[in-house]
Full PDB file with SEQRES, HELIX, SHEET, SSBOND, CRYST1, ORIGX, SCALE, CONECT and MASTER records, all heavy atoms in Angstrom:
SEQRES   1 A   37  LEU PHE ARG PRO GLU LEU LEU ASP ASP PRO ALA THR PHE          
SEQRES   2 A   37  VAL LEU ALA GLY ARG SER ALA ASP GLY HIS VAL VAL ALA          
SEQRES   3 A   37  GLY ALA VAL ALA SER ARG SER ASP GLN VAL VAL                  
HELIX    1 AA1 PRO A    4  ASP A    8  5                                   5    
SHEET    1 AA1 2 THR A  12  ARG A  18  0                                        
SHEET    2 AA1 2 VAL A  24  SER A  31 -1                                        
CRYST1    1.000    1.000    1.000  90.00  90.00  90.00 P 1           1          
ORIGX1      1.000000  0.000000  0.000000        0.00000                         
ORIGX2      0.000000  1.000000  0.000000        0.00000                         
ORIGX3      0.000000  0.000000  1.000000        0.00000                         
SCALE1      1.000000  0.000000  0.000000        0.00000                         
SCALE2      0.000000  1.000000  0.000000        0.00000                         
SCALE3      0.000000  0.000000  1.000000        0.00000                         
ATOM      1  N   LEU A   1      -1.614   4.866   3.128  1.00  0.00           N  
ATOM      2  CA  LEU A   1      -1.156   3.932   4.014  1.00  0.00           C  
ATOM      3  C   LEU A   1       0.196   3.528   3.632  1.00  0.00           C  
ATOM      4  O   LEU A   1       1.129   3.248   4.431  1.00  0.00           O  
ATOM      5  CB  LEU A   1      -2.117   2.730   4.091  1.00  0.00           C  
ATOM      6  CG  LEU A   1      -1.642   1.493   4.926  1.00  0.00           C  
ATOM      7  CD1 LEU A   1      -1.594   1.852   6.399  1.00  0.00           C  
ATOM      8  CD2 LEU A   1      -2.544   0.206   4.757  1.00  0.00           C  
ATOM      9  N   PHE A   2       0.544   3.398   2.343  1.00  0.00           N  
ATOM     10  CA  PHE A   2       1.847   2.977   1.827  1.00  0.00           C  
ATOM     11  C   PHE A   2       2.692   4.189   1.532  1.00  0.00           C  
ATOM     12  O   PHE A   2       2.412   4.844   0.479  1.00  0.00           O  
ATOM     13  CB  PHE A   2       1.587   2.154   0.472  1.00  0.00           C  
ATOM     14  CG  PHE A   2       0.887   0.840   1.010  1.00  0.00           C  
ATOM     15  CD1 PHE A   2      -0.388   0.671   0.788  1.00  0.00           C  
ATOM     16  CD2 PHE A   2       1.667  -0.267   1.183  1.00  0.00           C  
ATOM     17  CE1 PHE A   2      -1.020  -0.516   1.196  1.00  0.00           C  
ATOM     18  CE2 PHE A   2       1.060  -1.560   1.524  1.00  0.00           C  
ATOM     19  CZ  PHE A   2      -0.297  -1.602   1.454  1.00  0.00           C  
ATOM     20  N   ARG A   3       3.698   4.458   2.369  1.00  0.00           N  
ATOM     21  CA  ARG A   3       4.426   5.646   2.208  1.00  0.00           C  
ATOM     22  C   ARG A   3       5.777   5.364   1.524  1.00  0.00           C  
ATOM     23  O   ARG A   3       6.252   4.173   1.687  1.00  0.00           O  
ATOM     24  CB  ARG A   3       4.742   6.148   3.665  1.00  0.00           C  
ATOM     25  CG  ARG A   3       3.425   6.606   4.315  1.00  0.00           C  
ATOM     26  CD  ARG A   3       3.636   7.283   5.673  1.00  0.00           C  
ATOM     27  NE  ARG A   3       2.369   7.793   6.187  1.00  0.00           N  
ATOM     28  CZ  ARG A   3       2.267   8.521   7.366  1.00  0.00           C  
ATOM     29  NH1 ARG A   3       3.363   8.654   8.095  1.00  0.00           N  
ATOM     30  NH2 ARG A   3       1.183   8.999   7.715  1.00  0.00           N  
ATOM     31  N   PRO A   4       6.529   6.300   1.041  1.00  0.00           N  
ATOM     32  CA  PRO A   4       7.791   6.051   0.431  1.00  0.00           C  
ATOM     33  C   PRO A   4       8.894   5.440   1.286  1.00  0.00           C  
ATOM     34  O   PRO A   4       9.814   4.750   0.684  1.00  0.00           O  
ATOM     35  CB  PRO A   4       8.160   7.516  -0.106  1.00  0.00           C  
ATOM     36  CG  PRO A   4       6.904   8.228  -0.299  1.00  0.00           C  
ATOM     37  CD  PRO A   4       5.947   7.771   0.920  1.00  0.00           C  
ATOM     38  N   GLU A   5       8.718   5.708   2.540  1.00  0.00           N  
ATOM     39  CA  GLU A   5       9.685   5.088   3.506  1.00  0.00           C  
ATOM     40  C   GLU A   5       9.823   3.622   3.348  1.00  0.00           C  
ATOM     41  O   GLU A   5      10.830   3.046   3.710  1.00  0.00           O  
ATOM     42  CB  GLU A   5       9.374   5.478   5.011  1.00  0.00           C  
ATOM     43  CG  GLU A   5       9.672   6.960   5.283  1.00  0.00           C  
ATOM     44  CD  GLU A   5       8.567   7.864   4.854  1.00  0.00           C  
ATOM     45  OE1 GLU A   5       7.510   7.357   4.279  1.00  0.00           O  
ATOM     46  OE2 GLU A   5       8.599   9.048   5.049  1.00  0.00           O  
ATOM     47  N   LEU A   6       8.834   2.954   2.859  1.00  0.00           N  
ATOM     48  CA  LEU A   6       8.808   1.426   2.792  1.00  0.00           C  
ATOM     49  C   LEU A   6       9.913   1.112   1.797  1.00  0.00           C  
ATOM     50  O   LEU A   6      10.504   0.019   1.862  1.00  0.00           O  
ATOM     51  CB  LEU A   6       7.425   0.964   2.156  1.00  0.00           C  
ATOM     52  CG  LEU A   6       6.360   0.890   3.148  1.00  0.00           C  
ATOM     53  CD1 LEU A   6       5.054   0.507   2.362  1.00  0.00           C  
ATOM     54  CD2 LEU A   6       6.603  -0.068   4.232  1.00  0.00           C  
ATOM     55  N   LEU A   7      10.227   1.955   0.755  1.00  0.00           N  
ATOM     56  CA  LEU A   7      11.150   1.563  -0.309  1.00  0.00           C  
ATOM     57  C   LEU A   7      12.603   1.570   0.291  1.00  0.00           C  
ATOM     58  O   LEU A   7      13.469   1.020  -0.271  1.00  0.00           O  
ATOM     59  CB  LEU A   7      11.139   2.614  -1.381  1.00  0.00           C  
ATOM     60  CG  LEU A   7       9.686   2.752  -2.038  1.00  0.00           C  
ATOM     61  CD1 LEU A   7       9.648   3.713  -3.218  1.00  0.00           C  
ATOM     62  CD2 LEU A   7       9.274   1.326  -2.688  1.00  0.00           C  
ATOM     63  N   ASP A   8      12.694   2.011   1.531  1.00  0.00           N  
ATOM     64  CA  ASP A   8      14.069   2.053   2.087  1.00  0.00           C  
ATOM     65  C   ASP A   8      14.283   0.914   2.754  1.00  0.00           C  
ATOM     66  O   ASP A   8      15.550   0.522   3.280  1.00  0.00           O  
ATOM     67  CB  ASP A   8      14.177   3.202   3.073  1.00  0.00           C  
ATOM     68  CG  ASP A   8      14.152   4.670   2.405  1.00  0.00           C  
ATOM     69  OD1 ASP A   8      14.414   4.686   1.216  1.00  0.00           O  
ATOM     70  OD2 ASP A   8      13.636   5.584   3.032  1.00  0.00           O  
ATOM     71  N   ASP A   9      13.277  -0.027   2.967  1.00  0.00           N  
ATOM     72  CA  ASP A   9      13.547  -1.271   3.855  1.00  0.00           C  
ATOM     73  C   ASP A   9      14.075  -2.389   2.927  1.00  0.00           C  
ATOM     74  O   ASP A   9      13.382  -2.707   1.941  1.00  0.00           O  
ATOM     75  CB  ASP A   9      12.303  -1.764   4.448  1.00  0.00           C  
ATOM     76  CG  ASP A   9      12.540  -2.961   5.426  1.00  0.00           C  
ATOM     77  OD1 ASP A   9      13.073  -2.889   6.552  1.00  0.00           O  
ATOM     78  OD2 ASP A   9      12.267  -4.114   4.880  1.00  0.00           O  
ATOM     79  N   PRO A  10      15.291  -2.993   3.202  1.00  0.00           N  
ATOM     80  CA  PRO A  10      15.863  -3.817   2.265  1.00  0.00           C  
ATOM     81  C   PRO A  10      15.222  -5.186   2.210  1.00  0.00           C  
ATOM     82  O   PRO A  10      15.484  -6.049   1.303  1.00  0.00           O  
ATOM     83  CB  PRO A  10      17.305  -4.019   2.842  1.00  0.00           C  
ATOM     84  CG  PRO A  10      17.298  -3.638   4.269  1.00  0.00           C  
ATOM     85  CD  PRO A  10      16.122  -2.689   4.308  1.00  0.00           C  
ATOM     86  N   ALA A  11      14.296  -5.497   3.300  1.00  0.00           N  
ATOM     87  CA  ALA A  11      13.560  -6.853   3.162  1.00  0.00           C  
ATOM     88  C   ALA A  11      12.231  -6.711   2.634  1.00  0.00           C  
ATOM     89  O   ALA A  11      11.393  -7.605   2.578  1.00  0.00           O  
ATOM     90  CB  ALA A  11      13.592  -7.281   4.575  1.00  0.00           C  
ATOM     91  N   THR A  12      11.668  -5.532   2.118  1.00  0.00           N  
ATOM     92  CA  THR A  12      10.357  -5.263   1.601  1.00  0.00           C  
ATOM     93  C   THR A  12      10.442  -5.107   0.133  1.00  0.00           C  
ATOM     94  O   THR A  12      11.129  -4.226  -0.332  1.00  0.00           O  
ATOM     95  CB  THR A  12       9.732  -4.177   2.322  1.00  0.00           C  
ATOM     96  OG1 THR A  12       9.711  -4.361   3.952  1.00  0.00           O  
ATOM     97  CG2 THR A  12       8.404  -3.789   1.857  1.00  0.00           C  
ATOM     98  N   PHE A  13       9.515  -5.841  -0.554  1.00  0.00           N  
ATOM     99  CA  PHE A  13       9.359  -5.663  -1.973  1.00  0.00           C  
ATOM    100  C   PHE A  13       7.930  -5.533  -2.365  1.00  0.00           C  
ATOM    101  O   PHE A  13       7.185  -6.512  -2.198  1.00  0.00           O  
ATOM    102  CB  PHE A  13      10.060  -6.927  -2.621  1.00  0.00           C  
ATOM    103  CG  PHE A  13      11.468  -7.129  -2.284  1.00  0.00           C  
ATOM    104  CD1 PHE A  13      11.920  -7.619  -1.176  1.00  0.00           C  
ATOM    105  CD2 PHE A  13      12.391  -6.800  -3.296  1.00  0.00           C  
ATOM    106  CE1 PHE A  13      13.161  -7.826  -0.885  1.00  0.00           C  
ATOM    107  CE2 PHE A  13      13.829  -6.856  -3.065  1.00  0.00           C  
ATOM    108  CZ  PHE A  13      14.292  -7.436  -1.749  1.00  0.00           C  
ATOM    109  N   VAL A  14       7.573  -4.425  -2.893  1.00  0.00           N  
ATOM    110  CA  VAL A  14       6.259  -4.066  -3.434  1.00  0.00           C  
ATOM    111  C   VAL A  14       6.194  -4.540  -4.811  1.00  0.00           C  
ATOM    112  O   VAL A  14       6.988  -4.065  -5.676  1.00  0.00           O  
ATOM    113  CB  VAL A  14       5.837  -2.621  -3.227  1.00  0.00           C  
ATOM    114  CG1 VAL A  14       4.402  -2.395  -3.771  1.00  0.00           C  
ATOM    115  CG2 VAL A  14       6.073  -2.176  -1.789  1.00  0.00           C  
ATOM    116  N   LEU A  15       5.360  -5.523  -5.069  1.00  0.00           N  
ATOM    117  CA  LEU A  15       5.309  -6.177  -6.352  1.00  0.00           C  
ATOM    118  C   LEU A  15       4.008  -5.682  -7.137  1.00  0.00           C  
ATOM    119  O   LEU A  15       3.049  -5.675  -6.671  1.00  0.00           O  
ATOM    120  CB  LEU A  15       5.135  -7.716  -6.222  1.00  0.00           C  
ATOM    121  CG  LEU A  15       6.242  -8.358  -5.404  1.00  0.00           C  
ATOM    122  CD1 LEU A  15       6.044  -9.825  -5.195  1.00  0.00           C  
ATOM    123  CD2 LEU A  15       7.681  -8.147  -5.830  1.00  0.00           C  
ATOM    124  N   ALA A  16       4.333  -5.287  -8.416  1.00  0.00           N  
ATOM    125  CA  ALA A  16       3.299  -4.625  -9.235  1.00  0.00           C  
ATOM    126  C   ALA A  16       3.100  -5.537 -10.511  1.00  0.00           C  
ATOM    127  O   ALA A  16       4.115  -5.748 -11.243  1.00  0.00           O  
ATOM    128  CB  ALA A  16       3.639  -3.280  -9.708  1.00  0.00           C  
ATOM    129  N   GLY A  17       1.778  -5.997 -10.809  1.00  0.00           N  
ATOM    130  CA  GLY A  17       1.520  -6.575 -12.111  1.00  0.00           C  
ATOM    131  C   GLY A  17       0.898  -5.549 -13.021  1.00  0.00           C  
ATOM    132  O   GLY A  17      -0.005  -4.878 -12.626  1.00  0.00           O  
ATOM    133  N   ARG A  18       1.492  -5.396 -14.211  1.00  0.00           N  
ATOM    134  CA  ARG A  18       1.017  -4.360 -15.030  1.00  0.00           C  
ATOM    135  C   ARG A  18       0.373  -4.961 -16.272  1.00  0.00           C  
ATOM    136  O   ARG A  18       0.723  -5.948 -16.825  1.00  0.00           O  
ATOM    137  CB  ARG A  18       2.240  -3.536 -15.492  1.00  0.00           C  
ATOM    138  CG  ARG A  18       2.998  -2.830 -14.466  1.00  0.00           C  
ATOM    139  CD  ARG A  18       4.226  -2.203 -15.170  1.00  0.00           C  
ATOM    140  NE  ARG A  18       5.010  -1.320 -14.277  1.00  0.00           N  
ATOM    141  CZ  ARG A  18       5.091  -0.014 -14.299  1.00  0.00           C  
ATOM    142  NH1 ARG A  18       4.552   0.639 -15.141  1.00  0.00           N  
ATOM    143  NH2 ARG A  18       6.050   0.520 -13.452  1.00  0.00           N  
ATOM    144  N   SER A  19      -0.579  -4.146 -16.838  1.00  0.00           N  
ATOM    145  CA  SER A  19      -1.356  -4.541 -17.928  1.00  0.00           C  
ATOM    146  C   SER A  19      -0.471  -4.140 -19.254  1.00  0.00           C  
ATOM    147  O   SER A  19       0.607  -3.508 -19.109  1.00  0.00           O  
ATOM    148  CB  SER A  19      -2.626  -3.835 -18.036  1.00  0.00           C  
ATOM    149  OG  SER A  19      -2.538  -2.388 -17.999  1.00  0.00           O  
ATOM    150  N   ALA A  20      -0.916  -4.407 -20.460  1.00  0.00           N  
ATOM    151  CA  ALA A  20      -0.065  -4.044 -21.629  1.00  0.00           C  
ATOM    152  C   ALA A  20       0.066  -2.596 -21.704  1.00  0.00           C  
ATOM    153  O   ALA A  20       0.947  -2.164 -22.315  1.00  0.00           O  
ATOM    154  CB  ALA A  20      -0.781  -4.643 -22.894  1.00  0.00           C  
ATOM    155  N   ASP A  21      -0.888  -1.728 -21.248  1.00  0.00           N  
ATOM    156  CA  ASP A  21      -0.699  -0.225 -21.384  1.00  0.00           C  
ATOM    157  C   ASP A  21       0.109   0.218 -20.205  1.00  0.00           C  
ATOM    158  O   ASP A  21       0.090   1.539 -20.057  1.00  0.00           O  
ATOM    159  CB  ASP A  21      -2.035   0.344 -21.491  1.00  0.00           C  
ATOM    160  CG  ASP A  21      -3.002   0.089 -20.256  1.00  0.00           C  
ATOM    161  OD1 ASP A  21      -2.540  -0.623 -19.278  1.00  0.00           O  
ATOM    162  OD2 ASP A  21      -4.270   0.481 -20.380  1.00  0.00           O  
ATOM    163  N   GLY A  22       0.598  -0.606 -19.300  1.00  0.00           N  
ATOM    164  CA  GLY A  22       1.446  -0.054 -18.173  1.00  0.00           C  
ATOM    165  C   GLY A  22       0.789   0.205 -16.976  1.00  0.00           C  
ATOM    166  O   GLY A  22       1.420   0.687 -16.031  1.00  0.00           O  
ATOM    167  N   HIS A  23      -0.474   0.016 -16.794  1.00  0.00           N  
ATOM    168  CA  HIS A  23      -1.114   0.339 -15.694  1.00  0.00           C  
ATOM    169  C   HIS A  23      -1.055  -0.708 -14.620  1.00  0.00           C  
ATOM    170  O   HIS A  23      -1.034  -1.935 -14.932  1.00  0.00           O  
ATOM    171  CB  HIS A  23      -2.634   0.649 -15.855  1.00  0.00           C  
ATOM    172  CG  HIS A  23      -2.932   1.868 -16.502  1.00  0.00           C  
ATOM    173  ND1 HIS A  23      -3.017   2.019 -17.935  1.00  0.00           N  
ATOM    174  CD2 HIS A  23      -3.130   3.229 -16.076  1.00  0.00           C  
ATOM    175  CE1 HIS A  23      -3.297   3.387 -18.299  1.00  0.00           C  
ATOM    176  NE2 HIS A  23      -3.306   4.038 -17.221  1.00  0.00           N  
ATOM    177  N   VAL A  24      -0.990  -0.533 -13.232  1.00  0.00           N  
ATOM    178  CA  VAL A  24      -0.935  -1.477 -12.255  1.00  0.00           C  
ATOM    179  C   VAL A  24      -2.322  -1.907 -11.987  1.00  0.00           C  
ATOM    180  O   VAL A  24      -3.286  -1.082 -11.800  1.00  0.00           O  
ATOM    181  CB  VAL A  24      -0.399  -0.915 -10.956  1.00  0.00           C  
ATOM    182  CG1 VAL A  24      -0.479  -1.854  -9.830  1.00  0.00           C  
ATOM    183  CG2 VAL A  24       1.023  -0.266 -11.131  1.00  0.00           C  
ATOM    184  N   VAL A  25      -2.501  -3.345 -12.294  1.00  0.00           N  
ATOM    185  CA  VAL A  25      -3.776  -3.910 -12.094  1.00  0.00           C  
ATOM    186  C   VAL A  25      -3.904  -4.961 -11.085  1.00  0.00           C  
ATOM    187  O   VAL A  25      -4.864  -5.647 -10.884  1.00  0.00           O  
ATOM    188  CB  VAL A  25      -4.202  -4.525 -13.463  1.00  0.00           C  
ATOM    189  CG1 VAL A  25      -4.603  -3.266 -14.497  1.00  0.00           C  
ATOM    190  CG2 VAL A  25      -3.325  -5.479 -14.109  1.00  0.00           C  
ATOM    191  N   ALA A  26      -2.653  -5.447 -10.620  1.00  0.00           N  
ATOM    192  CA  ALA A  26      -2.586  -6.487  -9.552  1.00  0.00           C  
ATOM    193  C   ALA A  26      -1.251  -6.257  -8.814  1.00  0.00           C  
ATOM    194  O   ALA A  26      -0.342  -5.533  -9.252  1.00  0.00           O  
ATOM    195  CB  ALA A  26      -2.441  -7.871 -10.255  1.00  0.00           C  
ATOM    196  N   GLY A  27      -1.122  -6.731  -7.635  1.00  0.00           N  
ATOM    197  CA  GLY A  27       0.027  -6.503  -6.779  1.00  0.00           C  
ATOM    198  C   GLY A  27      -0.020  -7.342  -5.494  1.00  0.00           C  
ATOM    199  O   GLY A  27      -0.881  -8.056  -5.181  1.00  0.00           O  
ATOM    200  N   ALA A  28       1.124  -7.252  -4.762  1.00  0.00           N  
ATOM    201  CA  ALA A  28       1.300  -7.872  -3.571  1.00  0.00           C  
ATOM    202  C   ALA A  28       2.477  -7.152  -2.862  1.00  0.00           C  
ATOM    203  O   ALA A  28       3.241  -6.462  -3.535  1.00  0.00           O  
ATOM    204  CB  ALA A  28       1.446  -9.388  -3.541  1.00  0.00           C  
ATOM    205  N   VAL A  29       2.700  -7.475  -1.638  1.00  0.00           N  
ATOM    206  CA  VAL A  29       3.872  -7.061  -0.912  1.00  0.00           C  
ATOM    207  C   VAL A  29       4.690  -8.447  -0.454  1.00  0.00           C  
ATOM    208  O   VAL A  29       4.124  -9.399   0.115  1.00  0.00           O  
ATOM    209  CB  VAL A  29       3.570  -6.273   0.462  1.00  0.00           C  
ATOM    210  CG1 VAL A  29       4.938  -5.977   1.163  1.00  0.00           C  
ATOM    211  CG2 VAL A  29       3.074  -4.908  -0.094  1.00  0.00           C  
ATOM    212  N   ALA A  30       5.995  -8.557  -0.741  1.00  0.00           N  
ATOM    213  CA  ALA A  30       6.784  -9.597  -0.328  1.00  0.00           C  
ATOM    214  C   ALA A  30       7.701  -9.186   0.703  1.00  0.00           C  
ATOM    215  O   ALA A  30       8.409  -8.167   0.602  1.00  0.00           O  
ATOM    216  CB  ALA A  30       7.511 -10.264  -1.494  1.00  0.00           C  
ATOM    217  N   SER A  31       7.754  -9.865   1.788  1.00  0.00           N  
ATOM    218  CA  SER A  31       8.567  -9.475   2.951  1.00  0.00           C  
ATOM    219  C   SER A  31       9.654 -10.669   3.275  1.00  0.00           C  
ATOM    220  O   SER A  31       9.062 -11.773   3.723  1.00  0.00           O  
ATOM    221  CB  SER A  31       7.744  -9.230   4.190  1.00  0.00           C  
ATOM    222  OG  SER A  31       6.795  -8.291   3.922  1.00  0.00           O  
ATOM    223  N   ARG A  32      10.880 -10.417   3.123  1.00  0.00           N  
ATOM    224  CA  ARG A  32      11.781 -11.509   3.148  1.00  0.00           C  
ATOM    225  C   ARG A  32      12.249 -11.499   4.647  1.00  0.00           C  
ATOM    226  O   ARG A  32      12.557 -10.455   5.247  1.00  0.00           O  
ATOM    227  CB  ARG A  32      13.047 -11.239   2.304  1.00  0.00           C  
ATOM    228  CG  ARG A  32      14.080 -12.382   2.492  1.00  0.00           C  
ATOM    229  CD  ARG A  32      15.260 -12.200   1.496  1.00  0.00           C  
ATOM    230  NE  ARG A  32      16.141 -13.275   1.796  1.00  0.00           N  
ATOM    231  CZ  ARG A  32      17.337 -13.368   1.043  1.00  0.00           C  
ATOM    232  NH1 ARG A  32      17.607 -12.617   0.119  1.00  0.00           N  
ATOM    233  NH2 ARG A  32      18.228 -14.427   1.384  1.00  0.00           N  
ATOM    234  N   SER A  33      12.388 -12.761   5.159  1.00  0.00           N  
ATOM    235  CA  SER A  33      13.071 -12.941   6.387  1.00  0.00           C  
ATOM    236  C   SER A  33      14.188 -14.145   6.251  1.00  0.00           C  
ATOM    237  O   SER A  33      14.297 -14.546   5.066  1.00  0.00           O  
ATOM    238  CB  SER A  33      12.083 -13.353   7.634  1.00  0.00           C  
ATOM    239  OG  SER A  33      11.199 -14.395   7.228  1.00  0.00           O  
ATOM    240  N   ASP A  34      14.770 -14.633   7.345  1.00  0.00           N  
ATOM    241  CA  ASP A  34      15.824 -15.582   7.150  1.00  0.00           C  
ATOM    242  C   ASP A  34      15.369 -16.897   6.426  1.00  0.00           C  
ATOM    243  O   ASP A  34      16.205 -17.447   5.592  1.00  0.00           O  
ATOM    244  CB  ASP A  34      16.442 -15.887   8.500  1.00  0.00           C  
ATOM    245  CG  ASP A  34      17.279 -14.718   9.013  1.00  0.00           C  
ATOM    246  OD1 ASP A  34      17.528 -13.892   8.392  1.00  0.00           O  
ATOM    247  OD2 ASP A  34      17.421 -14.712  10.321  1.00  0.00           O  
ATOM    248  N   GLN A  35      14.167 -17.408   6.749  1.00  0.00           N  
ATOM    249  CA  GLN A  35      13.877 -18.729   6.300  1.00  0.00           C  
ATOM    250  C   GLN A  35      12.690 -18.825   5.289  1.00  0.00           C  
ATOM    251  O   GLN A  35      12.491 -19.775   4.609  1.00  0.00           O  
ATOM    252  CB  GLN A  35      13.457 -19.505   7.453  1.00  0.00           C  
ATOM    253  CG  GLN A  35      14.586 -19.725   8.493  1.00  0.00           C  
ATOM    254  CD  GLN A  35      14.019 -20.423   9.722  1.00  0.00           C  
ATOM    255  OE1 GLN A  35      13.832 -21.693   9.757  1.00  0.00           O  
ATOM    256  NE2 GLN A  35      13.848 -19.714  10.894  1.00  0.00           N  
ATOM    257  N   VAL A  36      11.871 -17.611   5.098  1.00  0.00           N  
ATOM    258  CA  VAL A  36      10.782 -17.619   4.265  1.00  0.00           C  
ATOM    259  C   VAL A  36      10.639 -16.151   3.610  1.00  0.00           C  
ATOM    260  O   VAL A  36      11.227 -15.224   4.033  1.00  0.00           O  
ATOM    261  CB  VAL A  36       9.461 -17.895   5.037  1.00  0.00           C  
ATOM    262  CG1 VAL A  36       9.504 -19.344   5.462  1.00  0.00           C  
ATOM    263  CG2 VAL A  36       9.309 -16.968   6.090  1.00  0.00           C  
ATOM    264  N   VAL A  37       9.695 -16.171   2.629  1.00  0.00           N  
ATOM    265  CA  VAL A  37       9.141 -14.822   2.138  1.00  0.00           C  
ATOM    266  C   VAL A  37       7.812 -14.757   2.420  1.00  0.00           C  
ATOM    267  O   VAL A  37       6.925 -15.750   2.140  1.00  0.00           O  
ATOM    268  CB  VAL A  37       9.325 -14.748   0.665  1.00  0.00           C  
ATOM    269  CG1 VAL A  37       8.712 -13.315   0.001  1.00  0.00           C  
ATOM    270  CG2 VAL A  37      10.779 -14.927   0.267  1.00  0.00           C  
TER     271      VAL A  37                                                      
MASTER        0    0    0    1    2    0    0    6  270    1    0    3          
END                                                                             
C-alpha cells in the first residue's frame, strides 16, 4: 500500500520509531497543511 512515490510528496512525512537494534517497531504518517499537521 505504501509506495516509494509517497517520498516525493513534500507535505508527507513517514515517521519511524526504531528499537536499539535499528528495527522499525512503531510509526505514523504526518501530513502537513497550511494550518495543521
